[in-house]
Amino acid sequence: FVYHKTMNYGDCILEKRRSRKAGMD
């Protein structure tokens, strides 16, 4: 799965939200 852009994207969304809470882009 790491070689394709799939809808299996939950870890990306959650980490993006956590980065914002930590003051990161």
mmCIF file of all heavy atoms, coordinates in Angstrom:
data_MODEL
# 
_entry.id   MODEL 
# 
loop_
_atom_site.group_PDB 
_atom_site.id 
_atom_site.type_symbol 
_atom_site.label_atom_id 
_atom_site.label_alt_id 
_atom_site.label_comp_id 
_atom_site.label_asym_id 
_atom_site.label_entity_id 
_atom_site.label_seq_id 
_atom_site.pdbx_PDB_ins_code 
_atom_site.Cartn_x 
_atom_site.Cartn_y 
_atom_site.Cartn_z 
_atom_site.occupancy 
_atom_site.B_iso_or_equiv 
_atom_site.pdbx_formal_charge 
_atom_site.auth_seq_id 
_atom_site.auth_comp_id 
_atom_site.auth_asym_id 
_atom_site.auth_atom_id 
_atom_site.pdbx_PDB_model_num 
ATOM 1   N N   . PHE A 1 1  ? 0.811   -1.217 0.000  1.00 0.00 ? 1  PHE A N   1 
ATOM 2   C CA  . PHE A 1 1  ? 0.000   0.000  0.000  1.00 0.00 ? 1  PHE A CA  1 
ATOM 3   C C   . PHE A 1 1  ? 0.845   1.269  0.000  1.00 0.00 ? 1  PHE A C   1 
ATOM 4   O O   . PHE A 1 1  ? 0.398   2.314  -0.435 1.00 0.00 ? 1  PHE A O   1 
ATOM 5   C CB  . PHE A 1 1  ? -0.955  0.022  1.199  1.00 0.00 ? 1  PHE A CB  1 
ATOM 6   C CG  . PHE A 1 1  ? -2.155  -0.842 0.997  1.00 0.00 ? 1  PHE A CG  1 
ATOM 7   C CD1 . PHE A 1 1  ? -2.135  -2.169 1.401  1.00 0.00 ? 1  PHE A CD1 1 
ATOM 8   C CD2 . PHE A 1 1  ? -3.298  -0.349 0.397  1.00 0.00 ? 1  PHE A CD2 1 
ATOM 9   C CE1 . PHE A 1 1  ? -3.230  -2.980 1.194  1.00 0.00 ? 1  PHE A CE1 1 
ATOM 10  C CE2 . PHE A 1 1  ? -4.399  -1.146 0.187  1.00 0.00 ? 1  PHE A CE2 1 
ATOM 11  C CZ  . PHE A 1 1  ? -4.365  -2.467 0.582  1.00 0.00 ? 1  PHE A CZ  1 
ATOM 12  N N   . VAL A 1 2  ? 2.079   1.195  0.487  1.00 0.00 ? 2  VAL A N   1 
ATOM 13  C CA  . VAL A 1 2  ? 2.902   2.403  0.560  1.00 0.00 ? 2  VAL A CA  1 
ATOM 14  C C   . VAL A 1 2  ? 3.346   2.888  -0.810 1.00 0.00 ? 2  VAL A C   1 
ATOM 15  O O   . VAL A 1 2  ? 3.860   3.993  -0.943 1.00 0.00 ? 2  VAL A O   1 
ATOM 16  C CB  . VAL A 1 2  ? 4.132   2.214  1.489  1.00 0.00 ? 2  VAL A CB  1 
ATOM 17  C CG1 . VAL A 1 2  ? 3.695   1.901  2.901  1.00 0.00 ? 2  VAL A CG1 1 
ATOM 18  C CG2 . VAL A 1 2  ? 5.077   1.163  0.955  1.00 0.00 ? 2  VAL A CG2 1 
ATOM 19  N N   . TYR A 1 3  ? 3.128   2.089  -1.843 1.00 0.00 ? 3  TYR A N   1 
ATOM 20  C CA  . TYR A 1 3  ? 3.528   2.474  -3.190 1.00 0.00 ? 3  TYR A CA  1 
ATOM 21  C C   . TYR A 1 3  ? 2.392   3.109  -3.978 1.00 0.00 ? 3  TYR A C   1 
ATOM 22  O O   . TYR A 1 3  ? 2.550   3.426  -5.149 1.00 0.00 ? 3  TYR A O   1 
ATOM 23  C CB  . TYR A 1 3  ? 4.049   1.253  -3.957 1.00 0.00 ? 3  TYR A CB  1 
ATOM 24  C CG  . TYR A 1 3  ? 5.274   0.670  -3.308 1.00 0.00 ? 3  TYR A CG  1 
ATOM 25  C CD1 . TYR A 1 3  ? 5.191   -0.453 -2.506 1.00 0.00 ? 3  TYR A CD1 1 
ATOM 26  C CD2 . TYR A 1 3  ? 6.514   1.280  -3.477 1.00 0.00 ? 3  TYR A CD2 1 
ATOM 27  C CE1 . TYR A 1 3  ? 6.315   -0.969 -1.901 1.00 0.00 ? 3  TYR A CE1 1 
ATOM 28  C CE2 . TYR A 1 3  ? 7.640   0.769  -2.866 1.00 0.00 ? 3  TYR A CE2 1 
ATOM 29  C CZ  . TYR A 1 3  ? 7.537   -0.361 -2.079 1.00 0.00 ? 3  TYR A CZ  1 
ATOM 30  O OH  . TYR A 1 3  ? 8.655   -0.858 -1.473 1.00 0.00 ? 3  TYR A OH  1 
ATOM 31  N N   . HIS A 1 4  ? 1.230   3.290  -3.356 1.00 0.00 ? 4  HIS A N   1 
ATOM 32  C CA  . HIS A 1 4  ? 0.052   3.798  -4.060 1.00 0.00 ? 4  HIS A CA  1 
ATOM 33  C C   . HIS A 1 4  ? -0.669  4.827  -3.200 1.00 0.00 ? 4  HIS A C   1 
ATOM 34  O O   . HIS A 1 4  ? -0.629  4.762  -1.976 1.00 0.00 ? 4  HIS A O   1 
ATOM 35  C CB  . HIS A 1 4  ? -0.905  2.648  -4.377 1.00 0.00 ? 4  HIS A CB  1 
ATOM 36  C CG  . HIS A 1 4  ? -0.267  1.548  -5.149 1.00 0.00 ? 4  HIS A CG  1 
ATOM 37  N ND1 . HIS A 1 4  ? -0.011  1.639  -6.495 1.00 0.00 ? 4  HIS A ND1 1 
ATOM 38  C CD2 . HIS A 1 4  ? 0.206   0.344  -4.753 1.00 0.00 ? 4  HIS A CD2 1 
ATOM 39  C CE1 . HIS A 1 4  ? 0.576   0.534  -6.899 1.00 0.00 ? 4  HIS A CE1 1 
ATOM 40  N NE2 . HIS A 1 4  ? 0.729   -0.271 -5.865 1.00 0.00 ? 4  HIS A NE2 1 
ATOM 41  N N   . LYS A 1 5  ? -1.362  5.764  -3.853 1.00 0.00 ? 5  LYS A N   1 
ATOM 42  C CA  . LYS A 1 5  ? -2.186  6.734  -3.130 1.00 0.00 ? 5  LYS A CA  1 
ATOM 43  C C   . LYS A 1 5  ? -3.575  6.123  -3.000 1.00 0.00 ? 5  LYS A C   1 
ATOM 44  O O   . LYS A 1 5  ? -4.348  6.121  -3.950 1.00 0.00 ? 5  LYS A O   1 
ATOM 45  C CB  . LYS A 1 5  ? -2.230  8.062  -3.877 1.00 0.00 ? 5  LYS A CB  1 
ATOM 46  C CG  . LYS A 1 5  ? -0.858  8.725  -3.860 1.00 0.00 ? 5  LYS A CG  1 
ATOM 47  C CD  . LYS A 1 5  ? -0.899  10.162 -4.201 1.00 0.00 ? 5  LYS A CD  1 
ATOM 48  C CE  . LYS A 1 5  ? -1.453  10.966 -3.077 1.00 0.00 ? 5  LYS A CE  1 
ATOM 49  N NZ  . LYS A 1 5  ? -1.165  12.388 -3.181 1.00 0.00 ? 5  LYS A NZ  1 
ATOM 50  N N   . THR A 1 6  ? -3.842  5.585  -1.831 1.00 0.00 ? 6  THR A N   1 
ATOM 51  C CA  . THR A 1 6  ? -5.120  4.923  -1.609 1.00 0.00 ? 6  THR A CA  1 
ATOM 52  C C   . THR A 1 6  ? -5.949  5.709  -0.600 1.00 0.00 ? 6  THR A C   1 
ATOM 53  O O   . THR A 1 6  ? -5.441  6.582  0.100  1.00 0.00 ? 6  THR A O   1 
ATOM 54  C CB  . THR A 1 6  ? -4.931  3.483  -1.077 1.00 0.00 ? 6  THR A CB  1 
ATOM 55  O OG1 . THR A 1 6  ? -4.473  3.530  0.277  1.00 0.00 ? 6  THR A OG1 1 
ATOM 56  C CG2 . THR A 1 6  ? -3.948  2.699  -1.937 1.00 0.00 ? 6  THR A CG2 1 
ATOM 57  N N   . MET A 1 7  ? -7.217  5.354  -0.518 1.00 0.00 ? 7  MET A N   1 
ATOM 58  C CA  . MET A 1 7  ? -8.120  5.993  0.441  1.00 0.00 ? 7  MET A CA  1 
ATOM 59  C C   . MET A 1 7  ? -7.840  5.517  1.867  1.00 0.00 ? 7  MET A C   1 
ATOM 60  O O   . MET A 1 7  ? -8.418  6.025  2.808  1.00 0.00 ? 7  MET A O   1 
ATOM 61  C CB  . MET A 1 7  ? -9.569  5.686  0.085  1.00 0.00 ? 7  MET A CB  1 
ATOM 62  C CG  . MET A 1 7  ? -9.952  6.157  -1.287 1.00 0.00 ? 7  MET A CG  1 
ATOM 63  S SD  . MET A 1 7  ? -10.048 7.938  -1.345 1.00 0.00 ? 7  MET A SD  1 
ATOM 64  C CE  . MET A 1 7  ? -11.274 8.106  -2.598 1.00 0.00 ? 7  MET A CE  1 
ATOM 65  N N   . ASN A 1 8  ? -6.946  4.573  2.016  1.00 0.00 ? 8  ASN A N   1 
ATOM 66  C CA  . ASN A 1 8  ? -6.537  4.075  3.318  1.00 0.00 ? 8  ASN A CA  1 
ATOM 67  C C   . ASN A 1 8  ? -5.557  5.105  3.892  1.00 0.00 ? 8  ASN A C   1 
ATOM 68  O O   . ASN A 1 8  ? -4.344  4.911  3.879  1.00 0.00 ? 8  ASN A O   1 
ATOM 69  C CB  . ASN A 1 8  ? -5.866  2.704  3.126  1.00 0.00 ? 8  ASN A CB  1 
ATOM 70  C CG  . ASN A 1 8  ? -5.765  1.942  4.401  1.00 0.00 ? 8  ASN A CG  1 
ATOM 71  O OD1 . ASN A 1 8  ? -5.645  2.525  5.465  1.00 0.00 ? 8  ASN A OD1 1 
ATOM 72  N ND2 . ASN A 1 8  ? -5.795  0.636  4.290  1.00 0.00 ? 8  ASN A ND2 1 
ATOM 73  N N   . TYR A 1 9  ? -6.087  6.212  4.389  1.00 0.00 ? 9  TYR A N   1 
ATOM 74  C CA  . TYR A 1 9  ? -5.313  7.420  4.651  1.00 0.00 ? 9  TYR A CA  1 
ATOM 75  C C   . TYR A 1 9  ? -5.457  7.930  6.091  1.00 0.00 ? 9  TYR A C   1 
ATOM 76  O O   . TYR A 1 9  ? -5.062  9.033  6.410  1.00 0.00 ? 9  TYR A O   1 
ATOM 77  C CB  . TYR A 1 9  ? -5.809  8.494  3.665  1.00 0.00 ? 9  TYR A CB  1 
ATOM 78  C CG  . TYR A 1 9  ? -4.766  9.446  3.167  1.00 0.00 ? 9  TYR A CG  1 
ATOM 79  C CD1 . TYR A 1 9  ? -3.698  9.028  2.389  1.00 0.00 ? 9  TYR A CD1 1 
ATOM 80  C CD2 . TYR A 1 9  ? -4.853  10.802 3.460  1.00 0.00 ? 9  TYR A CD2 1 
ATOM 81  C CE1 . TYR A 1 9  ? -2.756  9.917  1.914  1.00 0.00 ? 9  TYR A CE1 1 
ATOM 82  C CE2 . TYR A 1 9  ? -3.920  11.700 2.984  1.00 0.00 ? 9  TYR A CE2 1 
ATOM 83  C CZ  . TYR A 1 9  ? -2.872  11.253 2.221  1.00 0.00 ? 9  TYR A CZ  1 
ATOM 84  O OH  . TYR A 1 9  ? -1.938  12.128 1.745  1.00 0.00 ? 9  TYR A OH  1 
ATOM 85  N N   . GLY A 1 10 ? -6.058  7.099  6.945  1.00 0.00 ? 10 GLY A N   1 
ATOM 86  C CA  . GLY A 1 10 ? -6.360  7.540  8.303  1.00 0.00 ? 10 GLY A CA  1 
ATOM 87  C C   . GLY A 1 10 ? -5.165  8.000  9.108  1.00 0.00 ? 10 GLY A C   1 
ATOM 88  O O   . GLY A 1 10 ? -5.235  9.005  9.821  1.00 0.00 ? 10 GLY A O   1 
ATOM 89  N N   . ASP A 1 11 ? -4.040  7.278  9.016  1.00 0.00 ? 11 ASP A N   1 
ATOM 90  C CA  . ASP A 1 11 ? -2.877  7.684  9.801  1.00 0.00 ? 11 ASP A CA  1 
ATOM 91  C C   . ASP A 1 11 ? -2.355  9.048  9.366  1.00 0.00 ? 11 ASP A C   1 
ATOM 92  O O   . ASP A 1 11 ? -1.897  9.837  10.192 1.00 0.00 ? 11 ASP A O   1 
ATOM 93  C CB  . ASP A 1 11 ? -1.774  6.629  9.768  1.00 0.00 ? 11 ASP A CB  1 
ATOM 94  C CG  . ASP A 1 11 ? -1.316  6.242  8.376  1.00 0.00 ? 11 ASP A CG  1 
ATOM 95  O OD1 . ASP A 1 11 ? -1.944  6.665  7.391  1.00 0.00 ? 11 ASP A OD1 1 
ATOM 96  O OD2 . ASP A 1 11 ? -0.327  5.498  8.274  1.00 0.00 ? 11 ASP A OD2 1 
ATOM 97  N N   . CYS A 1 12 ? -2.479  9.368  8.088  1.00 0.00 ? 12 CYS A N   1 
ATOM 98  C CA  . CYS A 1 12 ? -2.048  10.688 7.602  1.00 0.00 ? 12 CYS A CA  1 
ATOM 99  C C   . CYS A 1 12 ? -2.916  11.801 8.182  1.00 0.00 ? 12 CYS A C   1 
ATOM 100 O O   . CYS A 1 12 ? -2.404  12.830 8.643  1.00 0.00 ? 12 CYS A O   1 
ATOM 101 C CB  . CYS A 1 12 ? -2.107  10.741 6.078  1.00 0.00 ? 12 CYS A CB  1 
ATOM 102 S SG  . CYS A 1 12 ? -0.932  9.655  5.259  1.00 0.00 ? 12 CYS A SG  1 
ATOM 103 N N   . ILE A 1 13 ? -4.224  11.595 8.165  1.00 0.00 ? 13 ILE A N   1 
ATOM 104 C CA  . ILE A 1 13 ? -5.154  12.608 8.683  1.00 0.00 ? 13 ILE A CA  1 
ATOM 105 C C   . ILE A 1 13 ? -4.930  12.824 10.176 1.00 0.00 ? 13 ILE A C   1 
ATOM 106 O O   . ILE A 1 13 ? -4.829  13.969 10.647 1.00 0.00 ? 13 ILE A O   1 
ATOM 107 C CB  . ILE A 1 13 ? -6.617  12.198 8.411  1.00 0.00 ? 13 ILE A CB  1 
ATOM 108 C CG1 . ILE A 1 13 ? -6.880  12.052 6.910  1.00 0.00 ? 13 ILE A CG1 1 
ATOM 109 C CG2 . ILE A 1 13 ? -7.590  13.158 9.079  1.00 0.00 ? 13 ILE A CG2 1 
ATOM 110 C CD1 . ILE A 1 13 ? -6.733  13.324 6.114  1.00 0.00 ? 13 ILE A CD1 1 
ATOM 111 N N   . LEU A 1 14 ? -4.847  11.731 10.929 1.00 0.00 ? 14 LEU A N   1 
ATOM 112 C CA  . LEU A 1 14 ? -4.659  11.862 12.382 1.00 0.00 ? 14 LEU A CA  1 
ATOM 113 C C   . LEU A 1 14 ? -3.328  12.527 12.725 1.00 0.00 ? 14 LEU A C   1 
ATOM 114 O O   . LEU A 1 14 ? -3.260  13.384 13.608 1.00 0.00 ? 14 LEU A O   1 
ATOM 115 C CB  . LEU A 1 14 ? -4.779  10.495 13.060 1.00 0.00 ? 14 LEU A CB  1 
ATOM 116 C CG  . LEU A 1 14 ? -6.165  9.869  13.016 1.00 0.00 ? 14 LEU A CG  1 
ATOM 117 C CD1 . LEU A 1 14 ? -6.131  8.471  13.625 1.00 0.00 ? 14 LEU A CD1 1 
ATOM 118 C CD2 . LEU A 1 14 ? -7.196  10.738 13.712 1.00 0.00 ? 14 LEU A CD2 1 
ATOM 119 N N   . GLU A 1 15 ? -2.262  12.163 12.023 1.00 0.00 ? 15 GLU A N   1 
ATOM 120 C CA  . GLU A 1 15 ? -0.962  12.786 12.290 1.00 0.00 ? 15 GLU A CA  1 
ATOM 121 C C   . GLU A 1 15 ? -0.945  14.255 11.877 1.00 0.00 ? 15 GLU A C   1 
ATOM 122 O O   . GLU A 1 15 ? -0.313  15.078 12.534 1.00 0.00 ? 15 GLU A O   1 
ATOM 123 C CB  . GLU A 1 15 ? 0.162   12.021 11.591 1.00 0.00 ? 15 GLU A CB  1 
ATOM 124 C CG  . GLU A 1 15 ? 0.597   10.779 12.346 1.00 0.00 ? 15 GLU A CG  1 
ATOM 125 C CD  . GLU A 1 15 ? 1.099   11.095 13.738 1.00 0.00 ? 15 GLU A CD  1 
ATOM 126 O OE1 . GLU A 1 15 ? 2.241   11.580 13.896 1.00 0.00 ? 15 GLU A OE1 1 
ATOM 127 O OE2 . GLU A 1 15 ? 0.338   10.848 14.704 1.00 0.00 ? 15 GLU A OE2 1 
ATOM 128 N N   . LYS A 1 16 ? -1.635  14.594 10.799 1.00 0.00 ? 16 LYS A N   1 
ATOM 129 C CA  . LYS A 1 16 ? -1.728  16.007 10.394 1.00 0.00 ? 16 LYS A CA  1 
ATOM 130 C C   . LYS A 1 16 ? -2.440  16.813 11.487 1.00 0.00 ? 16 LYS A C   1 
ATOM 131 O O   . LYS A 1 16 ? -1.992  17.906 11.852 1.00 0.00 ? 16 LYS A O   1 
ATOM 132 C CB  . LYS A 1 16 ? -2.488  16.122 9.061  1.00 0.00 ? 16 LYS A CB  1 
ATOM 133 C CG  . LYS A 1 16 ? -2.634  17.531 8.560  1.00 0.00 ? 16 LYS A CG  1 
ATOM 134 C CD  . LYS A 1 16 ? -1.318  18.118 8.133  1.00 0.00 ? 16 LYS A CD  1 
ATOM 135 C CE  . LYS A 1 16 ? -1.516  19.446 7.422  1.00 0.00 ? 16 LYS A CE  1 
ATOM 136 N NZ  . LYS A 1 16 ? -0.262  19.992 6.938  1.00 0.00 ? 16 LYS A NZ  1 
ATOM 137 N N   . ARG A 1 17 ? -3.535  16.275 12.016 1.00 0.00 ? 17 ARG A N   1 
ATOM 138 C CA  . ARG A 1 17 ? -4.250  16.961 13.102 1.00 0.00 ? 17 ARG A CA  1 
ATOM 139 C C   . ARG A 1 17 ? -3.367  17.110 14.335 1.00 0.00 ? 17 ARG A C   1 
ATOM 140 O O   . ARG A 1 17 ? -3.353  18.166 14.982 1.00 0.00 ? 17 ARG A O   1 
ATOM 141 C CB  . ARG A 1 17 ? -5.522  16.184 13.455 1.00 0.00 ? 17 ARG A CB  1 
ATOM 142 C CG  . ARG A 1 17 ? -6.582  16.263 12.379 1.00 0.00 ? 17 ARG A CG  1 
ATOM 143 C CD  . ARG A 1 17 ? -7.765  15.387 12.716 1.00 0.00 ? 17 ARG A CD  1 
ATOM 144 N NE  . ARG A 1 17 ? -8.741  15.399 11.623 1.00 0.00 ? 17 ARG A NE  1 
ATOM 145 C CZ  . ARG A 1 17 ? -9.742  14.548 11.529 1.00 0.00 ? 17 ARG A CZ  1 
ATOM 146 N NH1 . ARG A 1 17 ? -9.926  13.611 12.457 1.00 0.00 ? 17 ARG A NH1 1 
ATOM 147 N NH2 . ARG A 1 17 ? -10.582 14.625 10.514 1.00 0.00 ? 17 ARG A NH2 1 
ATOM 148 N N   . ARG A 1 18 ? -2.622  16.066 14.668 1.00 0.00 ? 18 ARG A N   1 
ATOM 149 C CA  . ARG A 1 18 ? -1.721  16.129 15.831 1.00 0.00 ? 18 ARG A CA  1 
ATOM 150 C C   . ARG A 1 18 ? -0.615  17.146 15.605 1.00 0.00 ? 18 ARG A C   1 
ATOM 151 O O   . ARG A 1 18 ? -0.197  17.838 16.542 1.00 0.00 ? 18 ARG A O   1 
ATOM 152 C CB  . ARG A 1 18 ? -1.140  14.745 16.116 1.00 0.00 ? 18 ARG A CB  1 
ATOM 153 C CG  . ARG A 1 18 ? -2.154  13.775 16.662 1.00 0.00 ? 18 ARG A CG  1 
ATOM 154 C CD  . ARG A 1 18 ? -1.529  12.395 16.939 1.00 0.00 ? 18 ARG A CD  1 
ATOM 155 N NE  . ARG A 1 18 ? -2.571  11.469 17.315 1.00 0.00 ? 18 ARG A NE  1 
ATOM 156 C CZ  . ARG A 1 18 ? -2.761  10.276 16.756 1.00 0.00 ? 18 ARG A CZ  1 
ATOM 157 N NH1 . ARG A 1 18 ? -1.938  9.848  15.805 1.00 0.00 ? 18 ARG A NH1 1 
ATOM 158 N NH2 . ARG A 1 18 ? -3.731  9.497  17.151 1.00 0.00 ? 18 ARG A NH2 1 
ATOM 159 N N   . SER A 1 19 ? -0.134  17.235 14.373 1.00 0.00 ? 19 SER A N   1 
ATOM 160 C CA  . SER A 1 19 ? 0.929   18.207 14.098 1.00 0.00 ? 19 SER A CA  1 
ATOM 161 C C   . SER A 1 19 ? 0.418   19.629 14.305 1.00 0.00 ? 19 SER A C   1 
ATOM 162 O O   . SER A 1 19 ? 1.125   20.477 14.847 1.00 0.00 ? 19 SER A O   1 
ATOM 163 C CB  . SER A 1 19 ? 1.502   18.021 12.690 1.00 0.00 ? 19 SER A CB  1 
ATOM 164 O OG  . SER A 1 19 ? 0.619   18.486 11.695 1.00 0.00 ? 19 SER A OG  1 
ATOM 165 N N   . ARG A 1 20 ? -0.807  19.886 13.875 1.00 0.00 ? 20 ARG A N   1 
ATOM 166 C CA  . ARG A 1 20 ? -1.390  21.229 14.073 1.00 0.00 ? 20 ARG A CA  1 
ATOM 167 C C   . ARG A 1 20 ? -1.538  21.551 15.552 1.00 0.00 ? 20 ARG A C   1 
ATOM 168 O O   . ARG A 1 20 ? -1.250  22.672 15.972 1.00 0.00 ? 20 ARG A O   1 
ATOM 169 C CB  . ARG A 1 20 ? -2.734  21.316 13.370 1.00 0.00 ? 20 ARG A CB  1 
ATOM 170 C CG  . ARG A 1 20 ? -2.586  21.431 11.870 1.00 0.00 ? 20 ARG A CG  1 
ATOM 171 C CD  . ARG A 1 20 ? -3.909  21.712 11.211 1.00 0.00 ? 20 ARG A CD  1 
ATOM 172 N NE  . ARG A 1 20 ? -3.734  21.778 9.767  1.00 0.00 ? 20 ARG A NE  1 
ATOM 173 C CZ  . ARG A 1 20 ? -4.593  21.300 8.900  1.00 0.00 ? 20 ARG A CZ  1 
ATOM 174 N NH1 . ARG A 1 20 ? -5.705  20.713 9.314  1.00 0.00 ? 20 ARG A NH1 1 
ATOM 175 N NH2 . ARG A 1 20 ? -4.367  21.401 7.618  1.00 0.00 ? 20 ARG A NH2 1 
ATOM 176 N N   . LYS A 1 21 ? -1.996  20.581 16.332 1.00 0.00 ? 21 LYS A N   1 
ATOM 177 C CA  . LYS A 1 21 ? -2.131  20.803 17.778 1.00 0.00 ? 21 LYS A CA  1 
ATOM 178 C C   . LYS A 1 21 ? -0.782  21.084 18.420 1.00 0.00 ? 21 LYS A C   1 
ATOM 179 O O   . LYS A 1 21 ? -0.704  21.784 19.423 1.00 0.00 ? 21 LYS A O   1 
ATOM 180 C CB  . LYS A 1 21 ? -2.790  19.590 18.439 1.00 0.00 ? 21 LYS A CB  1 
ATOM 181 C CG  . LYS A 1 21 ? -4.273  19.502 18.170 1.00 0.00 ? 21 LYS A CG  1 
ATOM 182 C CD  . LYS A 1 21 ? -4.879  18.305 18.874 1.00 0.00 ? 21 LYS A CD  1 
ATOM 183 C CE  . LYS A 1 21 ? -6.359  18.194 18.532 1.00 0.00 ? 21 LYS A CE  1 
ATOM 184 N NZ  . LYS A 1 21 ? -6.965  16.982 19.117 1.00 0.00 ? 21 LYS A NZ  1 
ATOM 185 N N   . ALA A 1 22 ? 0.284   20.529 17.844 1.00 0.00 ? 22 ALA A N   1 
ATOM 186 C CA  . ALA A 1 22 ? 1.637   20.740 18.368 1.00 0.00 ? 22 ALA A CA  1 
ATOM 187 C C   . ALA A 1 22 ? 2.280   22.006 17.798 1.00 0.00 ? 22 ALA A C   1 
ATOM 188 O O   . ALA A 1 22 ? 3.452   22.279 18.065 1.00 0.00 ? 22 ALA A O   1 
ATOM 189 C CB  . ALA A 1 22 ? 2.504   19.524 18.056 1.00 0.00 ? 22 ALA A CB  1 
ATOM 190 N N   . GLY A 1 23 ? 1.529   22.781 17.006 1.00 0.00 ? 23 GLY A N   1 
ATOM 191 C CA  . GLY A 1 23 ? 2.053   24.017 16.440 1.00 0.00 ? 23 GLY A CA  1 
ATOM 192 C C   . GLY A 1 23 ? 2.888   23.819 15.184 1.00 0.00 ? 23 GLY A C   1 
ATOM 193 O O   . GLY A 1 23 ? 3.645   24.707 14.799 1.00 0.00 ? 23 GLY A O   1 
ATOM 194 N N   . MET A 1 24 ? 2.747   22.670 14.561 1.00 0.00 ? 24 MET A N   1 
ATOM 195 C CA  . MET A 1 24 ? 3.512   22.355 13.352 1.00 0.00 ? 24 MET A CA  1 
ATOM 196 C C   . MET A 1 24 ? 2.613   22.439 12.126 1.00 0.00 ? 24 MET A C   1 
ATOM 197 O O   . MET A 1 24 ? 1.398   22.337 12.221 1.00 0.00 ? 24 MET A O   1 
ATOM 198 C CB  . MET A 1 24 ? 4.082   20.930 13.426 1.00 0.00 ? 24 MET A CB  1 
ATOM 199 C CG  . MET A 1 24 ? 4.973   20.662 14.594 1.00 0.00 ? 24 MET A CG  1 
ATOM 200 S SD  . MET A 1 24 ? 6.549   21.489 14.333 1.00 0.00 ? 24 MET A SD  1 
ATOM 201 C CE  . MET A 1 24 ? 7.218   21.436 15.970 1.00 0.00 ? 24 MET A CE  1 
ATOM 202 N N   . ASP A 1 25 ? 3.228   22.581 10.958 1.00 0.00 ? 25 ASP A N   1 
ATOM 203 C CA  . ASP A 1 25 ? 2.495   22.546 9.693  1.00 0.00 ? 25 ASP A CA  1 
ATOM 204 C C   . ASP A 1 25 ? 2.395   21.133 9.139  1.00 0.00 ? 25 ASP A C   1 
ATOM 205 O O   . ASP A 1 25 ? 1.486   20.820 8.383  1.00 0.00 ? 25 ASP A O   1 
ATOM 206 C CB  . ASP A 1 25 ? 3.212   23.408 8.635  1.00 0.00 ? 25 ASP A CB  1 
ATOM 207 C CG  . ASP A 1 25 ? 3.230   24.862 9.014  1.00 0.00 ? 25 ASP A CG  1 
ATOM 208 O OD1 . ASP A 1 25 ? 2.142   25.426 9.220  1.00 0.00 ? 25 ASP A OD1 1 
ATOM 209 O OD2 . ASP A 1 25 ? 4.332   25.435 9.111  1.00 0.00 ? 25 ASP A OD2 1 
# 
